[in-house]
Amino acid sequence: MKNLTKIIRKLSFVSILLFIIFVCSPLARAQDMNSSNFKIQSGNFNMTSGNKSSTNFKLSDVVGQTAAGVFASKGYIINAGFLNSAAGQIFSFSVSPTTVDFGALTANSPMEKSIQITIKNGDVPGYLVKANENQPLSTTAGAEIPDLACIEDTICTIIKAGKWTGNTTYGFGYRMSGRTVPQDYSNASYFRPFPASRRNELSAVIMETKARKVTDQAEMKLRLNVSPQQPVGQYRNVLTFSALAGI
């Protein structure tokens, strides 16, 4: 049985807000721009846009809508202009702790650490939270702790959790618990490996809802188990969390 030196995971998180508005009307008066090579039809053209600031304020604007507002008649309704459903709303997202240290490891003795995720979306309709890793846990010399493969009675992938209970299944994986996490975590012994950007894998959805005005919390439980043959060293990688508002 060997003790390994500290295995340190550094976490980073990024919040990305996406707002998309589709405006439809049975009747449209468009402005045209054309030449011998192209023709552009549009409801309006922006005359100016950009970021302005002073010591007391910051402003990002788009100018050009000729008639912004809500227009209604029998049989239709038009929302014209840049209607930002998130305006005035607070969208907050936090991950804690931002560094996870597994300390000294003993072979065939799985260790677990937890990360708390909190998200509040105000009046924005829904959200997604995704996660990935940059690479498997690695040393500067190139040694790696493999990502979880779930070689027991079920198969786990980056999008489907599998059973992990034995102490001779090695690797690094995670599971989620909370109101808005994927359903394949309903069994407390089910885990997934992280998708890795080094392998060009897409981030995995770990929380999702279409509800407004919610404050949700979830726990990510990290599990790590190494074999007696694992080289001694200091292993690191980076997890990235992305929160997308308005789905």
Protein backbone atom coordinates (compact mmCIF):
# COMPACT_ATOMS: atom_id res chain seq x y z
CA MET A 1 0.00 0.00 0.00
CA LYS A 2 1.54 3.29 -1.04
CA ASN A 3 0.78 6.81 0.03
CA LEU A 4 0.72 9.30 -2.80
CA THR A 5 1.61 12.93 -2.39
CA LYS A 6 -1.11 15.57 -2.48
CA ILE A 7 -3.45 15.51 -5.44
CA ILE A 8 -4.77 19.02 -6.00
CA ARG A 9 -7.72 19.98 -8.20
CA LYS A 10 -8.08 23.63 -9.14
CA LEU A 11 -11.53 24.69 -10.24
CA SER A 12 -12.60 27.64 -12.35
CA PHE A 13 -16.07 28.80 -13.34
CA VAL A 14 -17.51 30.97 -16.08
CA SER A 15 -21.01 32.42 -16.38
CA ILE A 16 -22.41 32.86 -19.85
CA LEU A 17 -25.74 34.60 -20.42
CA LEU A 18 -27.62 33.95 -23.64
CA PHE A 19 -30.84 35.75 -24.54
CA ILE A 20 -32.61 35.09 -27.84
CA ILE A 21 -35.80 36.84 -28.97
CA PHE A 22 -37.81 35.91 -32.07
CA VAL A 23 -40.31 38.47 -33.36
CA CYS A 24 -42.87 37.37 -35.93
CA SER A 25 -45.49 39.40 -37.80
CA PRO A 26 -47.86 38.62 -40.68
CA LEU A 27 -47.04 42.04 -42.16
CA ALA A 28 -43.55 43.56 -42.28
CA ARG A 29 -42.19 46.74 -43.79
CA ALA A 30 -38.53 46.13 -44.41
CA GLN A 31 -35.61 48.28 -45.39
CA ASP A 32 -33.55 47.02 -48.31
CA MET A 33 -29.85 47.29 -49.10
CA ASN A 34 -28.59 45.89 -52.38
CA SER A 35 -25.84 45.96 -54.97
CA SER A 36 -24.94 43.82 -57.95
CA ASN A 37 -23.68 41.11 -55.59
CA PHE A 38 -26.11 41.07 -52.65
CA LYS A 39 -29.51 42.06 -51.29
CA ILE A 40 -30.31 42.47 -47.58
CA GLN A 41 -33.85 42.79 -46.29
CA SER A 42 -34.32 43.86 -42.69
CA GLY A 43 -36.93 45.39 -40.44
CA ASN A 44 -34.46 48.06 -39.41
CA PHE A 45 -30.75 48.81 -39.44
CA ASN A 46 -28.74 49.86 -36.45
CA MET A 47 -27.30 53.35 -36.82
CA THR A 48 -24.95 53.05 -33.84
CA SER A 49 -23.95 50.69 -31.05
CA GLY A 50 -21.17 50.20 -28.57
CA ASN A 51 -19.98 50.49 -24.99
CA LYS A 52 -19.89 53.84 -23.20
CA SER A 53 -18.55 54.57 -19.75
CA SER A 54 -17.51 57.27 -17.34
CA THR A 55 -16.48 57.32 -13.70
CA ASN A 56 -20.11 56.83 -12.65
CA PHE A 57 -21.71 54.50 -15.23
CA LYS A 58 -21.30 51.90 -17.97
CA LEU A 59 -23.71 51.60 -20.90
CA SER A 60 -23.97 49.09 -23.75
CA ASP A 61 -26.48 50.22 -26.39
CA VAL A 62 -27.91 49.55 -29.82
CA VAL A 63 -29.75 52.40 -31.62
CA GLY A 64 -31.87 52.04 -34.73
CA GLN A 65 -35.31 50.60 -33.90
CA THR A 66 -37.80 53.01 -35.51
CA ALA A 67 -40.83 51.98 -33.43
CA ALA A 68 -40.18 49.92 -30.33
CA GLY A 69 -43.05 48.62 -28.23
CA VAL A 70 -45.96 46.18 -28.07
CA PHE A 71 -48.51 46.45 -30.91
CA ALA A 72 -51.72 44.39 -30.89
CA SER A 73 -54.82 43.93 -33.01
CA LYS A 74 -57.37 41.19 -33.47
CA GLY A 75 -55.48 38.03 -34.39
CA TYR A 76 -51.90 39.13 -33.73
CA ILE A 77 -49.47 40.75 -31.30
CA ILE A 78 -46.05 42.21 -32.16
CA ASN A 79 -43.27 42.77 -29.66
CA ALA A 80 -40.99 45.15 -31.56
CA GLY A 81 -37.59 46.21 -30.37
CA PHE A 82 -34.95 44.70 -28.15
CA LEU A 83 -37.00 43.18 -25.33
CA ASN A 84 -34.53 41.81 -22.84
CA SER A 85 -36.34 39.45 -20.49
CA ALA A 86 -33.41 39.59 -18.09
CA ALA A 87 -33.33 43.38 -17.78
CA GLY A 88 -33.41 44.35 -14.15
CA GLN A 89 -33.14 40.70 -13.04
CA ILE A 90 -30.36 39.23 -10.94
CA PHE A 91 -28.79 36.04 -12.28
CA SER A 92 -26.26 34.65 -9.84
CA PHE A 93 -24.10 31.53 -9.94
CA SER A 94 -21.52 30.27 -7.46
CA VAL A 95 -19.25 27.25 -7.00
CA SER A 96 -17.64 26.47 -3.65
CA PRO A 97 -14.90 25.62 -2.84
CA THR A 98 -12.77 26.73 -5.76
CA THR A 99 -9.91 24.38 -4.84
CA VAL A 100 -10.28 20.74 -3.82
CA ASP A 101 -7.33 18.94 -2.21
CA PHE A 102 -7.59 15.15 -1.85
CA GLY A 103 -4.45 15.05 0.28
CA ALA A 104 -2.39 11.85 0.58
CA LEU A 105 -4.07 8.85 -1.05
CA THR A 106 -3.96 5.15 -0.20
CA ALA A 107 -4.36 2.60 -2.98
CA ASN A 108 -7.73 0.76 -3.09
CA SER A 109 -9.23 3.31 -0.68
CA PRO A 110 -11.65 5.62 -2.56
CA MET A 111 -11.81 9.22 -1.33
CA GLU A 112 -14.65 11.68 -1.84
CA LYS A 113 -14.87 15.48 -1.77
CA SER A 114 -17.88 17.73 -2.36
CA ILE A 115 -18.52 20.92 -4.35
CA GLN A 116 -21.61 23.06 -3.70
CA ILE A 117 -23.29 24.79 -6.67
CA THR A 118 -25.87 27.56 -6.18
CA ILE A 119 -27.82 29.33 -8.90
CA LYS A 120 -30.54 32.01 -8.84
CA ASN A 121 -32.25 33.08 -12.07
CA GLY A 122 -34.76 35.82 -11.15
CA ASP A 123 -37.46 36.18 -13.82
CA VAL A 124 -35.30 34.58 -16.52
CA PRO A 125 -37.03 31.47 -17.96
CA GLY A 126 -34.80 28.57 -17.00
CA TYR A 127 -31.07 27.81 -17.02
CA LEU A 128 -28.46 25.19 -17.84
CA VAL A 129 -25.30 24.40 -15.91
CA LYS A 130 -22.56 22.42 -17.65
CA ALA A 131 -19.20 21.04 -16.53
CA ASN A 132 -16.05 19.59 -18.04
CA GLU A 133 -12.36 19.04 -17.28
CA ASN A 134 -9.38 20.17 -19.28
CA GLN A 135 -7.69 16.75 -18.99
CA PRO A 136 -7.45 13.72 -16.68
CA LEU A 137 -5.57 14.27 -13.41
CA SER A 138 -1.93 14.52 -14.52
CA THR A 139 1.58 15.22 -13.29
CA THR A 140 4.11 17.47 -15.03
CA ALA A 141 6.03 14.29 -15.89
CA GLY A 142 3.06 12.97 -17.88
CA ALA A 143 1.65 10.37 -15.47
CA GLU A 144 -2.17 10.25 -15.40
CA ILE A 145 -4.94 8.96 -13.18
CA PRO A 146 -7.53 7.64 -15.66
CA ASP A 147 -11.08 8.93 -15.77
CA LEU A 148 -13.72 6.56 -14.41
CA ALA A 149 -14.62 3.69 -16.76
CA CYS A 150 -17.21 1.78 -14.61
CA ILE A 151 -16.15 -1.81 -15.26
CA GLU A 152 -18.68 -3.27 -12.81
CA ASP A 153 -22.17 -4.42 -13.89
CA THR A 154 -23.01 -1.16 -15.69
CA ILE A 155 -21.30 1.07 -18.23
CA CYS A 156 -20.86 4.76 -17.52
CA THR A 157 -20.11 7.48 -20.06
CA ILE A 158 -19.83 11.27 -20.00
CA ILE A 159 -23.63 11.45 -20.55
CA LYS A 160 -24.79 8.35 -18.61
CA ALA A 161 -23.97 7.42 -15.02
CA GLY A 162 -22.96 3.89 -14.04
CA LYS A 163 -22.48 1.91 -10.83
CA TRP A 164 -19.25 2.43 -8.86
CA THR A 165 -19.09 0.63 -5.52
CA GLY A 166 -15.96 -1.55 -5.42
CA ASN A 167 -12.53 -0.45 -4.21
CA THR A 168 -10.77 -2.04 -7.18
CA THR A 169 -12.44 0.21 -9.75
CA TYR A 170 -9.93 2.98 -10.34
CA GLY A 171 -10.13 6.49 -11.68
CA PHE A 172 -11.75 9.86 -11.14
CA GLY A 173 -15.48 10.56 -11.46
CA TYR A 174 -18.42 12.48 -10.02
CA ARG A 175 -22.10 12.31 -9.20
CA MET A 176 -24.76 14.99 -8.70
CA SER A 177 -27.59 15.41 -6.19
CA GLY A 178 -30.25 18.11 -6.18
CA ARG A 179 -33.65 19.08 -7.55
CA THR A 180 -32.57 19.86 -11.12
CA VAL A 181 -29.81 17.29 -11.77
CA PRO A 182 -30.07 14.54 -14.45
CA GLN A 183 -32.22 11.52 -13.55
CA ASP A 184 -29.44 8.96 -13.98
CA TYR A 185 -28.06 10.07 -10.60
CA SER A 186 -31.14 8.79 -8.75
CA ASN A 187 -29.02 5.89 -7.44
CA ALA A 188 -26.44 7.10 -4.90
CA SER A 189 -23.81 4.65 -6.20
CA TYR A 190 -23.94 5.93 -9.79
CA PHE A 191 -21.13 8.12 -11.16
CA ARG A 192 -19.92 9.58 -14.45
CA PRO A 193 -16.47 10.51 -15.80
CA PHE A 194 -15.93 14.14 -16.78
CA PRO A 195 -15.85 15.10 -20.46
CA ALA A 196 -12.39 16.40 -21.33
CA SER A 197 -11.70 19.34 -23.61
CA ARG A 198 -8.39 17.69 -24.54
CA ARG A 199 -10.44 14.91 -26.13
CA ASN A 200 -12.72 17.47 -27.84
CA GLU A 201 -15.70 16.31 -25.77
CA LEU A 202 -18.66 18.59 -25.15
CA SER A 203 -19.44 19.74 -21.61
CA ALA A 204 -22.02 17.66 -19.75
CA VAL A 205 -25.30 19.12 -18.47
CA ILE A 206 -25.35 18.79 -14.67
CA MET A 207 -28.34 21.05 -13.80
CA GLU A 208 -31.33 22.14 -15.89
CA THR A 209 -34.76 23.72 -15.43
CA LYS A 210 -37.29 25.82 -17.36
CA ALA A 211 -38.65 27.47 -14.20
CA ARG A 212 -38.47 31.16 -13.34
CA LYS A 213 -37.68 32.78 -10.01
CA VAL A 214 -35.91 29.80 -8.48
CA THR A 215 -32.91 29.44 -6.22
CA ASP A 216 -31.42 25.97 -6.66
CA GLN A 217 -28.57 24.19 -4.97
CA ALA A 218 -26.82 21.00 -6.01
CA GLU A 219 -23.93 18.95 -4.67
CA MET A 220 -21.22 17.53 -6.89
CA LYS A 221 -19.50 14.63 -5.18
CA LEU A 222 -16.01 13.89 -6.55
CA ARG A 223 -14.62 10.38 -6.09
CA LEU A 224 -10.99 9.32 -6.61
CA ASN A 225 -9.46 5.85 -6.30
CA VAL A 226 -5.93 4.78 -7.32
CA SER A 227 -4.28 1.41 -7.85
CA PRO A 228 -1.13 0.16 -6.07
CA GLN A 229 0.73 0.66 -9.38
CA GLN A 230 -0.12 4.38 -9.66
CA PRO A 231 3.09 6.43 -9.88
CA VAL A 232 3.74 8.77 -6.97
CA GLY A 233 3.39 12.44 -7.85
CA GLN A 234 1.36 15.62 -7.59
CA TYR A 235 -1.65 15.39 -9.88
CA ARG A 236 -3.69 18.37 -11.09
CA ASN A 237 -6.38 19.37 -13.54
CA VAL A 238 -9.01 22.09 -14.01
CA LEU A 239 -12.78 21.82 -13.93
CA THR A 240 -14.84 24.45 -15.74
CA PHE A 241 -18.48 25.23 -14.89
CA SER A 242 -20.69 27.19 -17.32
CA ALA A 243 -24.10 28.66 -16.44
CA LEU A 244 -26.41 29.60 -19.33
CA ALA A 245 -29.49 31.66 -18.48
CA GLY A 246 -32.75 31.62 -20.40
CA ILE A 247 -33.43 28.30 -22.18
